[in-house]
């Protein structure tokens, strides 16, 4: 078993070490955005968070900048939702990590609530994707809850909402 702190050993470095070593097992991360990844001989075979599975869960886990991790060798995955070999997996997680940095500057605290501001009007033109994301704003007590309920990759939902926040049409409270 290997344990550590992602504020000391960054997530991508931990993943590079585990994937390069060719180990099989489960990486668990204790963090509000945390979850679990299963590895098998240099490949990511499953990812899950409390509300997400597969690609969406891996994308969310790539946002981690802290938390405690534990790697338990020889833990079988409950299912196989991914099949990402080392280089592809690391490249994808690097891209996701870079994309997350701007999003996390805009939405740093997922325990906060989003709400419409007085500048919002029902006449505001929106796309179908924007409508789906915006409909969650009024129904969710926190950003975290909103993302869990969306059924969409969290990065995509927050990317969709970010222009509305920047324009002052929604706000974080």
C-alpha atoms as a PDB file:
ATOM      1  CA  UNK A   1       0.000   0.000   0.000  1.00  0.00           C
ATOM      2  CA  UNK A   2       1.209   3.504  -0.866  1.00  0.00           C
ATOM      3  CA  UNK A   3      -0.175   6.655   0.787  1.00  0.00           C
ATOM      4  CA  UNK A   4       0.503  10.333   0.299  1.00  0.00           C
ATOM      5  CA  UNK A   5      -0.720  13.883   0.012  1.00  0.00           C
ATOM      6  CA  UNK A   6      -1.498  15.331  -3.424  1.00  0.00           C
ATOM      7  CA  UNK A   7      -0.399  18.786  -2.263  1.00  0.00           C
ATOM      8  CA  UNK A   8       3.103  17.251  -1.881  1.00  0.00           C
ATOM      9  CA  UNK A   9       2.968  14.654  -4.681  1.00  0.00           C
ATOM     10  CA  UNK A  10       0.835  16.091  -7.538  1.00  0.00           C
ATOM     11  CA  UNK A  11      -1.885  13.873  -9.005  1.00  0.00           C
ATOM     12  CA  UNK A  12      -0.246  13.630 -12.447  1.00  0.00           C
ATOM     13  CA  UNK A  13       3.091  12.617 -10.921  1.00  0.00           C
ATOM     14  CA  UNK A  14       1.400   9.913  -8.852  1.00  0.00           C
ATOM     15  CA  UNK A  15      -0.449   8.650 -11.923  1.00  0.00           C
ATOM     16  CA  UNK A  16       2.737   8.662 -14.009  1.00  0.00           C
ATOM     17  CA  UNK A  17       4.546   6.628 -11.345  1.00  0.00           C
ATOM     18  CA  UNK A  18       1.712   4.093 -11.027  1.00  0.00           C
ATOM     19  CA  UNK A  19       1.091   3.718 -14.768  1.00  0.00           C
ATOM     20  CA  UNK A  20       4.794   3.463 -15.609  1.00  0.00           C
ATOM     21  CA  UNK A  21       5.350   0.830 -12.932  1.00  0.00           C
ATOM     22  CA  UNK A  22       2.702  -1.351 -14.578  1.00  0.00           C
ATOM     23  CA  UNK A  23       0.997  -2.013 -11.261  1.00  0.00           C
ATOM     24  CA  UNK A  24      -2.592  -3.178 -10.888  1.00  0.00           C
ATOM     25  CA  UNK A  25      -4.789  -1.861  -8.114  1.00  0.00           C
ATOM     26  CA  UNK A  26      -7.040   0.917  -6.862  1.00  0.00           C
ATOM     27  CA  UNK A  27      -6.038   4.546  -6.272  1.00  0.00           C
ATOM     28  CA  UNK A  28      -8.439   6.269  -3.860  1.00  0.00           C
ATOM     29  CA  UNK A  29      -8.371  10.015  -3.249  1.00  0.00           C
ATOM     30  CA  UNK A  30     -10.044  11.588  -0.234  1.00  0.00           C
ATOM     31  CA  UNK A  31     -11.085  15.068  -1.405  1.00  0.00           C
ATOM     32  CA  UNK A  32     -14.438  16.790  -2.075  1.00  0.00           C
ATOM     33  CA  UNK A  33     -13.860  16.083  -5.796  1.00  0.00           C
ATOM     34  CA  UNK A  34     -12.175  12.749  -5.093  1.00  0.00           C
ATOM     35  CA  UNK A  35     -12.950   9.227  -6.108  1.00  0.00           C
ATOM     36  CA  UNK A  36     -11.218   6.074  -7.246  1.00  0.00           C
ATOM     37  CA  UNK A  37      -9.216   4.868 -10.246  1.00  0.00           C
ATOM     38  CA  UNK A  38      -8.408   1.256 -11.061  1.00  0.00           C
ATOM     39  CA  UNK A  39      -5.240   0.404 -12.931  1.00  0.00           C
ATOM     40  CA  UNK A  40      -4.210  -2.794 -14.669  1.00  0.00           C
ATOM     41  CA  UNK A  41      -0.676  -3.215 -16.048  1.00  0.00           C
ATOM     42  CA  UNK A  42      -0.129   0.379 -17.178  1.00  0.00           C
ATOM     43  CA  UNK A  43      -3.719   1.048 -18.189  1.00  0.00           C
ATOM     44  CA  UNK A  44      -6.579   2.921 -16.536  1.00  0.00           C
ATOM     45  CA  UNK A  45      -9.540   0.533 -16.639  1.00  0.00           C
ATOM     46  CA  UNK A  46     -12.150   2.272 -14.456  1.00  0.00           C
ATOM     47  CA  UNK A  47     -12.778   5.604 -12.739  1.00  0.00           C
ATOM     48  CA  UNK A  48     -15.559   6.592 -10.393  1.00  0.00           C
ATOM     49  CA  UNK A  49     -16.581   9.386  -8.086  1.00  0.00           C
ATOM     50  CA  UNK A  50     -19.709   9.383  -5.938  1.00  0.00           C
ATOM     51  CA  UNK A  51     -21.836  10.525  -8.904  1.00  0.00           C
ATOM     52  CA  UNK A  52     -19.774   9.783 -12.044  1.00  0.00           C
ATOM     53  CA  UNK A  53     -18.238   6.819 -13.865  1.00  0.00           C
ATOM     54  CA  UNK A  54     -15.769   6.394 -16.707  1.00  0.00           C
ATOM     55  CA  UNK A  55     -14.563   9.387 -18.748  1.00  0.00           C
ATOM     56  CA  UNK A  56     -16.509  11.985 -16.718  1.00  0.00           C
ATOM     57  CA  UNK A  57     -15.076  10.652 -13.451  1.00  0.00           C
ATOM     58  CA  UNK A  58     -11.528  10.616 -14.860  1.00  0.00           C
ATOM     59  CA  UNK A  59     -11.996  14.190 -16.053  1.00  0.00           C
ATOM     60  CA  UNK A  60     -13.101  15.277 -12.583  1.00  0.00           C
ATOM     61  CA  UNK A  61     -10.248  13.435 -10.876  1.00  0.00           C
ATOM     62  CA  UNK A  62      -7.816  15.252 -13.184  1.00  0.00           C
ATOM     63  CA  UNK A  63      -8.872  18.479 -11.449  1.00  0.00           C
ATOM     64  CA  UNK A  64      -7.426  17.404  -8.104  1.00  0.00           C
ATOM     65  CA  UNK A  65      -4.834  19.669  -6.557  1.00  0.00           C
ATOM     66  CA  UNK A  66      -4.931  18.240  -3.052  1.00  0.00           C
ATOM     67  CA  UNK A  67      -6.247  15.463  -0.869  1.00  0.00           C
ATOM     68  CA  UNK A  68      -4.931  12.252   0.599  1.00  0.00           C
ATOM     69  CA  UNK A  69      -4.352   9.297  -1.723  1.00  0.00           C
ATOM     70  CA  UNK A  70      -4.002   5.593  -1.104  1.00  0.00           C
ATOM     71  CA  UNK A  71      -2.945   2.995  -3.657  1.00  0.00           C
ATOM     72  CA  UNK A  72      -3.962  -0.556  -2.824  1.00  0.00           C
ATOM     73  CA  UNK A  73      -2.367  -3.135  -5.119  1.00  0.00           C
ATOM     74  CA  UNK A  74      -4.243  -6.024  -6.664  1.00  0.00           C
ATOM     75  CA  UNK A  75      -7.748  -4.576  -6.174  1.00  0.00           C
ATOM     76  CA  UNK A  76     -10.046  -5.648  -9.016  1.00  0.00           C
ATOM     77  CA  UNK A  77     -12.299  -3.007 -10.597  1.00  0.00           C
ATOM     78  CA  UNK A  78     -16.067  -3.319 -10.101  1.00  0.00           C
ATOM     79  CA  UNK A  79     -16.434  -2.752 -13.867  1.00  0.00           C
ATOM     80  CA  UNK A  80     -14.324  -1.728 -16.849  1.00  0.00           C
ATOM     81  CA  UNK A  81     -15.483   1.699 -18.022  1.00  0.00           C
ATOM     82  CA  UNK A  82     -12.168   2.789 -19.581  1.00  0.00           C
ATOM     83  CA  UNK A  83      -9.306   1.372 -21.569  1.00  0.00           C
ATOM     84  CA  UNK A  84      -6.578   4.017 -21.583  1.00  0.00           C
ATOM     85  CA  UNK A  85      -2.968   2.993 -22.014  1.00  0.00           C
ATOM     86  CA  UNK A  86      -0.288   4.912 -20.133  1.00  0.00           C
ATOM     87  CA  UNK A  87       0.717   7.546 -22.706  1.00  0.00           C
ATOM     88  CA  UNK A  88      -2.825   8.300 -23.850  1.00  0.00           C
ATOM     89  CA  UNK A  89      -4.056   8.441 -20.250  1.00  0.00           C
ATOM     90  CA  UNK A  90      -1.279  10.779 -19.104  1.00  0.00           C
ATOM     91  CA  UNK A  91      -1.740  13.040 -22.125  1.00  0.00           C
ATOM     92  CA  UNK A  92      -5.498  13.261 -21.546  1.00  0.00           C
ATOM     93  CA  UNK A  93      -5.081  13.935 -17.813  1.00  0.00           C
ATOM     94  CA  UNK A  94      -2.494  16.649 -18.545  1.00  0.00           C
ATOM     95  CA  UNK A  95      -4.869  18.368 -20.981  1.00  0.00           C
ATOM     96  CA  UNK A  96      -7.753  18.084 -18.513  1.00  0.00           C
ATOM     97  CA  UNK A  97      -5.592  19.380 -15.675  1.00  0.00           C
ATOM     98  CA  UNK A  98      -4.618  22.481 -17.659  1.00  0.00           C
ATOM     99  CA  UNK A  99      -8.233  23.138 -18.651  1.00  0.00           C
ATOM    100  CA  UNK A 100      -9.339  22.771 -15.031  1.00  0.00           C
ATOM    101  CA  UNK A 101      -7.003  25.485 -13.729  1.00  0.00           C
ATOM    102  CA  UNK A 102      -9.037  28.306 -15.352  1.00  0.00           C
ATOM    103  CA  UNK A 103     -12.336  26.729 -14.298  1.00  0.00           C
ATOM    104  CA  UNK A 104     -11.190  26.328 -10.695  1.00  0.00           C
ATOM    105  CA  UNK A 105     -10.142  29.984 -10.588  1.00  0.00           C
ATOM    106  CA  UNK A 106     -13.694  30.893 -11.595  1.00  0.00           C
ATOM    107  CA  UNK A 107     -15.450  28.252  -9.433  1.00  0.00           C
ATOM    108  CA  UNK A 108     -13.024  27.674  -6.530  1.00  0.00           C
ATOM    109  CA  UNK A 109     -15.543  26.607  -3.874  1.00  0.00           C
ATOM    110  CA  UNK A 110     -18.075  23.983  -4.915  1.00  0.00           C
ATOM    111  CA  UNK A 111     -19.957  24.278  -1.614  1.00  0.00           C
ATOM    112  CA  UNK A 112     -21.236  27.658  -2.804  1.00  0.00           C
ATOM    113  CA  UNK A 113     -24.555  28.176  -4.575  1.00  0.00           C
ATOM    114  CA  UNK A 114     -25.165  29.716  -7.985  1.00  0.00           C
ATOM    115  CA  UNK A 115     -28.155  31.981  -8.512  1.00  0.00           C
ATOM    116  CA  UNK A 116     -29.507  34.238 -11.209  1.00  0.00           C
ATOM    117  CA  UNK A 117     -28.819  37.953 -10.781  1.00  0.00           C
ATOM    118  CA  UNK A 118     -31.315  40.765 -11.448  1.00  0.00           C
ATOM    119  CA  UNK A 119     -29.552  41.240 -14.826  1.00  0.00           C
ATOM    120  CA  UNK A 120     -30.934  37.857 -15.971  1.00  0.00           C
ATOM    121  CA  UNK A 121     -34.095  37.933 -18.082  1.00  0.00           C
ATOM    122  CA  UNK A 122     -36.158  35.085 -19.456  1.00  0.00           C
ATOM    123  CA  UNK A 123     -35.617  36.648 -22.883  1.00  0.00           C
ATOM    124  CA  UNK A 124     -31.900  35.802 -22.674  1.00  0.00           C
ATOM    125  CA  UNK A 125     -31.128  33.670 -25.756  1.00  0.00           C
ATOM    126  CA  UNK A 126     -29.498  30.334 -24.883  1.00  0.00           C
ATOM    127  CA  UNK A 127     -28.631  27.128 -26.670  1.00  0.00           C
ATOM    128  CA  UNK A 128     -30.097  23.789 -25.648  1.00  0.00           C
ATOM    129  CA  UNK A 129     -26.843  22.853 -23.864  1.00  0.00           C
ATOM    130  CA  UNK A 130     -26.840  26.174 -22.018  1.00  0.00           C
ATOM    131  CA  UNK A 131     -30.495  25.721 -21.091  1.00  0.00           C
ATOM    132  CA  UNK A 132     -29.776  22.296 -19.552  1.00  0.00           C
ATOM    133  CA  UNK A 133     -26.895  23.703 -17.485  1.00  0.00           C
ATOM    134  CA  UNK A 134     -28.796  26.842 -16.464  1.00  0.00           C
ATOM    135  CA  UNK A 135     -31.860  24.843 -15.424  1.00  0.00           C
ATOM    136  CA  UNK A 136     -29.691  23.207 -12.748  1.00  0.00           C
ATOM    137  CA  UNK A 137     -28.793  26.586 -11.223  1.00  0.00           C
ATOM    138  CA  UNK A 138     -32.241  27.166  -9.707  1.00  0.00           C
ATOM    139  CA  UNK A 139     -32.649  23.544  -8.587  1.00  0.00           C
ATOM    140  CA  UNK A 140     -29.331  22.870  -6.813  1.00  0.00           C
ATOM    141  CA  UNK A 141     -28.237  23.905  -3.325  1.00  0.00           C
ATOM    142  CA  UNK A 142     -24.499  23.823  -4.213  1.00  0.00           C
ATOM    143  CA  UNK A 143     -22.272  23.717  -7.249  1.00  0.00           C
ATOM    144  CA  UNK A 144     -21.178  20.210  -6.212  1.00  0.00           C
ATOM    145  CA  UNK A 145     -24.793  19.014  -6.059  1.00  0.00           C
ATOM    146  CA  UNK A 146     -25.539  20.662  -9.403  1.00  0.00           C
ATOM    147  CA  UNK A 147     -22.632  18.850 -11.057  1.00  0.00           C
ATOM    148  CA  UNK A 148     -23.628  15.515  -9.543  1.00  0.00           C
ATOM    149  CA  UNK A 149     -27.207  15.922 -10.809  1.00  0.00           C
ATOM    150  CA  UNK A 150     -26.239  17.060 -14.296  1.00  0.00           C
ATOM    151  CA  UNK A 151     -25.248  13.669 -15.704  1.00  0.00           C
ATOM    152  CA  UNK A 152     -22.732  15.565 -17.844  1.00  0.00           C
ATOM    153  CA  UNK A 153     -18.955  15.881 -17.456  1.00  0.00           C
ATOM    154  CA  UNK A 154     -18.406  18.545 -14.765  1.00  0.00           C
ATOM    155  CA  UNK A 155     -15.864  20.481 -16.825  1.00  0.00           C
ATOM    156  CA  UNK A 156     -18.369  20.828 -19.668  1.00  0.00           C
ATOM    157  CA  UNK A 157     -21.115  22.099 -17.332  1.00  0.00           C
ATOM    158  CA  UNK A 158     -18.840  24.669 -15.702  1.00  0.00           C
ATOM    159  CA  UNK A 159     -17.438  25.748 -19.087  1.00  0.00           C
ATOM    160  CA  UNK A 160     -21.029  26.299 -20.207  1.00  0.00           C
ATOM    161  CA  UNK A 161     -21.887  28.362 -17.118  1.00  0.00           C
ATOM    162  CA  UNK A 162     -18.680  30.396 -16.958  1.00  0.00           C
ATOM    163  CA  UNK A 163     -19.651  33.046 -19.568  1.00  0.00           C
ATOM    164  CA  UNK A 164     -22.919  33.682 -17.700  1.00  0.00           C
ATOM    165  CA  UNK A 165     -20.980  34.208 -14.475  1.00  0.00           C
ATOM    166  CA  UNK A 166     -18.447  36.516 -16.145  1.00  0.00           C
ATOM    167  CA  UNK A 167     -21.299  38.509 -17.732  1.00  0.00           C
ATOM    168  CA  UNK A 168     -22.946  38.943 -14.327  1.00  0.00           C
ATOM    169  CA  UNK A 169     -26.072  36.976 -15.255  1.00  0.00           C
ATOM    170  CA  UNK A 170     -25.449  34.399 -12.526  1.00  0.00           C
ATOM    171  CA  UNK A 171     -23.431  34.749  -9.326  1.00  0.00           C
ATOM    172  CA  UNK A 172     -21.869  32.618  -6.603  1.00  0.00           C
ATOM    173  CA  UNK A 173     -23.237  33.084  -3.099  1.00  0.00           C
END
